N, C-alpha and C. Protein backbone atom coordinates (compact mmCIF):
# COMPACT_ATOMS: atom_id res chain seq x y z
N MET A 1 -10.36 14.24 -11.70
CA MET A 1 -9.37 13.67 -10.79
C MET A 1 -8.03 14.37 -11.05
N SER A 2 -7.42 14.82 -9.99
CA SER A 2 -6.13 15.51 -10.12
C SER A 2 -5.01 14.49 -10.36
N ASP A 3 -3.86 14.99 -10.78
CA ASP A 3 -2.71 14.12 -10.99
C ASP A 3 -2.33 13.40 -9.70
N MET A 4 -2.38 14.11 -8.57
CA MET A 4 -2.02 13.49 -7.30
C MET A 4 -3.00 12.37 -6.94
N GLU A 5 -4.28 12.58 -7.20
CA GLU A 5 -5.26 11.54 -6.92
C GLU A 5 -5.02 10.31 -7.79
N LYS A 6 -4.65 10.53 -9.04
CA LYS A 6 -4.34 9.41 -9.95
C LYS A 6 -3.14 8.63 -9.45
N ILE A 7 -2.11 9.34 -9.01
CA ILE A 7 -0.90 8.69 -8.50
C ILE A 7 -1.23 7.87 -7.26
N ARG A 8 -2.01 8.45 -6.33
CA ARG A 8 -2.41 7.71 -5.12
C ARG A 8 -3.19 6.46 -5.49
N ALA A 9 -4.10 6.58 -6.46
CA ALA A 9 -4.91 5.44 -6.88
C ALA A 9 -4.04 4.35 -7.50
N GLU A 10 -3.04 4.73 -8.31
CA GLU A 10 -2.15 3.75 -8.93
C GLU A 10 -1.30 3.03 -7.89
N ILE A 11 -0.77 3.78 -6.93
CA ILE A 11 0.03 3.18 -5.86
C ILE A 11 -0.84 2.22 -5.05
N GLY A 12 -2.04 2.65 -4.70
CA GLY A 12 -2.96 1.80 -3.95
C GLY A 12 -3.30 0.53 -4.70
N ALA A 13 -3.49 0.64 -6.01
CA ALA A 13 -3.81 -0.54 -6.83
C ALA A 13 -2.64 -1.52 -6.86
N ARG A 14 -1.41 -1.01 -6.94
CA ARG A 14 -0.24 -1.89 -6.91
C ARG A 14 -0.13 -2.61 -5.58
N ILE A 15 -0.35 -1.88 -4.49
CA ILE A 15 -0.28 -2.50 -3.16
C ILE A 15 -1.34 -3.59 -3.04
N LYS A 16 -2.56 -3.28 -3.44
CA LYS A 16 -3.65 -4.25 -3.34
C LYS A 16 -3.38 -5.48 -4.20
N ALA A 17 -2.93 -5.26 -5.43
CA ALA A 17 -2.66 -6.39 -6.33
C ALA A 17 -1.59 -7.31 -5.74
N ARG A 18 -0.53 -6.73 -5.23
CA ARG A 18 0.55 -7.55 -4.66
C ARG A 18 0.08 -8.26 -3.40
N ARG A 19 -0.70 -7.57 -2.57
CA ARG A 19 -1.23 -8.19 -1.35
C ARG A 19 -2.09 -9.40 -1.71
N LEU A 20 -2.93 -9.25 -2.72
CA LEU A 20 -3.81 -10.35 -3.12
C LEU A 20 -3.02 -11.50 -3.74
N GLU A 21 -1.94 -11.19 -4.47
CA GLU A 21 -1.08 -12.25 -5.01
C GLU A 21 -0.52 -13.12 -3.89
N LEU A 22 -0.28 -12.49 -2.74
CA LEU A 22 0.29 -13.21 -1.59
C LEU A 22 -0.79 -13.79 -0.68
N TYR A 23 -2.06 -13.67 -1.08
CA TYR A 23 -3.19 -14.17 -0.27
C TYR A 23 -3.13 -13.59 1.15
N MET A 24 -2.83 -12.30 1.23
CA MET A 24 -2.69 -11.61 2.50
C MET A 24 -3.91 -10.71 2.71
N THR A 25 -4.41 -10.68 3.94
CA THR A 25 -5.52 -9.79 4.24
C THR A 25 -5.00 -8.38 4.55
N GLN A 26 -5.92 -7.44 4.54
CA GLN A 26 -5.55 -6.07 4.93
C GLN A 26 -5.08 -6.06 6.38
N GLU A 27 -5.71 -6.87 7.22
CA GLU A 27 -5.32 -6.94 8.63
C GLU A 27 -3.88 -7.44 8.78
N GLU A 28 -3.54 -8.47 8.01
CA GLU A 28 -2.18 -9.03 8.08
C GLU A 28 -1.15 -8.00 7.62
N LEU A 29 -1.44 -7.31 6.53
CA LEU A 29 -0.51 -6.29 6.04
C LEU A 29 -0.37 -5.17 7.06
N ALA A 30 -1.48 -4.73 7.60
CA ALA A 30 -1.44 -3.65 8.61
C ALA A 30 -0.56 -4.05 9.79
N ALA A 31 -0.71 -5.28 10.26
CA ALA A 31 0.09 -5.74 11.40
C ALA A 31 1.58 -5.78 11.06
N LYS A 32 1.91 -6.26 9.86
CA LYS A 32 3.32 -6.35 9.46
C LYS A 32 3.96 -4.97 9.31
N VAL A 33 3.15 -3.99 8.91
CA VAL A 33 3.68 -2.65 8.65
C VAL A 33 3.69 -1.79 9.92
N GLY A 34 2.85 -2.15 10.89
CA GLY A 34 2.82 -1.40 12.13
C GLY A 34 1.65 -0.44 12.26
N PHE A 35 0.63 -0.61 11.41
CA PHE A 35 -0.60 0.16 11.58
C PHE A 35 -1.46 -0.52 12.63
N LYS A 36 -2.31 0.25 13.29
CA LYS A 36 -3.15 -0.31 14.36
C LYS A 36 -4.24 -1.22 13.80
N GLY A 37 -4.72 -0.94 12.59
CA GLY A 37 -5.79 -1.76 12.01
C GLY A 37 -5.79 -1.66 10.51
N LYS A 38 -6.76 -2.35 9.91
CA LYS A 38 -6.81 -2.42 8.46
C LYS A 38 -7.30 -1.14 7.80
N THR A 39 -7.88 -0.22 8.56
CA THR A 39 -8.44 1.00 7.99
C THR A 39 -7.42 1.79 7.19
N SER A 40 -6.21 1.91 7.71
CA SER A 40 -5.16 2.65 6.99
C SER A 40 -4.84 1.99 5.66
N ILE A 41 -4.74 0.67 5.66
CA ILE A 41 -4.46 -0.06 4.42
C ILE A 41 -5.60 0.12 3.44
N ALA A 42 -6.83 0.03 3.92
CA ALA A 42 -8.00 0.19 3.04
C ALA A 42 -7.99 1.58 2.39
N LYS A 43 -7.67 2.60 3.16
CA LYS A 43 -7.64 3.97 2.62
C LYS A 43 -6.51 4.15 1.61
N ILE A 44 -5.36 3.53 1.87
CA ILE A 44 -4.24 3.60 0.92
C ILE A 44 -4.62 2.87 -0.37
N GLU A 45 -5.17 1.68 -0.25
CA GLU A 45 -5.52 0.90 -1.44
C GLU A 45 -6.60 1.58 -2.27
N SER A 46 -7.50 2.28 -1.64
CA SER A 46 -8.58 2.96 -2.37
C SER A 46 -8.11 4.28 -2.98
N GLY A 47 -6.93 4.74 -2.58
CA GLY A 47 -6.43 6.01 -3.08
C GLY A 47 -6.90 7.20 -2.28
N ALA A 48 -7.65 6.94 -1.21
CA ALA A 48 -8.15 8.04 -0.37
C ALA A 48 -7.01 8.72 0.38
N HIS A 49 -6.00 7.94 0.75
CA HIS A 49 -4.81 8.46 1.43
C HIS A 49 -3.57 8.00 0.69
N GLY A 50 -2.54 8.81 0.74
CA GLY A 50 -1.26 8.41 0.18
C GLY A 50 -0.51 7.54 1.17
N VAL A 51 0.55 6.92 0.69
CA VAL A 51 1.40 6.10 1.55
C VAL A 51 2.36 7.02 2.30
N PRO A 52 2.37 6.96 3.62
CA PRO A 52 3.36 7.76 4.34
C PRO A 52 4.77 7.34 3.93
N ILE A 53 5.62 8.30 3.66
CA ILE A 53 6.99 8.00 3.23
C ILE A 53 7.66 7.07 4.23
N SER A 54 7.37 7.25 5.49
CA SER A 54 7.99 6.42 6.53
C SER A 54 7.56 4.95 6.45
N LYS A 55 6.51 4.65 5.68
CA LYS A 55 5.99 3.28 5.60
C LYS A 55 6.25 2.60 4.26
N VAL A 56 6.82 3.31 3.29
CA VAL A 56 7.01 2.72 1.96
C VAL A 56 7.88 1.48 2.03
N LYS A 57 9.03 1.55 2.69
CA LYS A 57 9.92 0.39 2.77
C LYS A 57 9.27 -0.74 3.55
N ALA A 58 8.58 -0.43 4.63
CA ALA A 58 7.93 -1.47 5.43
C ALA A 58 6.86 -2.20 4.61
N ILE A 59 6.10 -1.45 3.83
CA ILE A 59 5.07 -2.06 2.98
C ILE A 59 5.74 -2.93 1.92
N ALA A 60 6.78 -2.41 1.29
CA ALA A 60 7.50 -3.19 0.27
C ALA A 60 8.05 -4.48 0.87
N ASP A 61 8.66 -4.39 2.04
CA ASP A 61 9.21 -5.58 2.69
C ASP A 61 8.11 -6.59 3.02
N ALA A 62 7.00 -6.10 3.55
CA ALA A 62 5.89 -6.98 3.92
C ALA A 62 5.30 -7.68 2.69
N LEU A 63 5.37 -7.01 1.55
CA LEU A 63 4.82 -7.57 0.31
C LEU A 63 5.89 -8.25 -0.54
N ASP A 64 7.09 -8.41 0.03
CA ASP A 64 8.20 -9.07 -0.66
C ASP A 64 8.44 -8.46 -2.04
N THR A 65 8.53 -7.13 -2.06
CA THR A 65 8.80 -6.41 -3.29
C THR A 65 9.70 -5.22 -2.96
N THR A 66 9.81 -4.28 -3.87
CA THR A 66 10.71 -3.13 -3.67
C THR A 66 9.92 -1.84 -3.52
N PRO A 67 10.52 -0.85 -2.88
CA PRO A 67 9.88 0.47 -2.84
C PRO A 67 9.64 1.02 -4.25
N ASP A 68 10.55 0.70 -5.18
CA ASP A 68 10.37 1.16 -6.57
C ASP A 68 9.06 0.64 -7.15
N TYR A 69 8.76 -0.64 -6.91
CA TYR A 69 7.50 -1.20 -7.41
C TYR A 69 6.31 -0.50 -6.76
N ILE A 70 6.35 -0.36 -5.45
CA ILE A 70 5.24 0.26 -4.73
C ILE A 70 4.96 1.66 -5.27
N MET A 71 6.01 2.43 -5.48
CA MET A 71 5.86 3.82 -5.92
C MET A 71 5.70 3.96 -7.44
N GLY A 72 5.89 2.88 -8.17
CA GLY A 72 5.72 2.93 -9.63
C GLY A 72 6.89 3.56 -10.37
N TRP A 73 8.08 3.43 -9.81
CA TRP A 73 9.26 4.03 -10.45
C TRP A 73 9.90 3.10 -11.42
């Protein structure tokens, strides 16, 4: 696993953990962030895709956290 894949997996795990703490479904998060469906969230959480920079703040806001937490800074 490359460093980039590890980073994507860690970011996805943080997003998933926070979403589950809030008892939120992937569908609900996708709707709040502006994705068409849960597929994008599922791919981000699994580490298959990175978080688009344009969506970091929206995801953080939807999860009532900060971009720093989402990105692991």
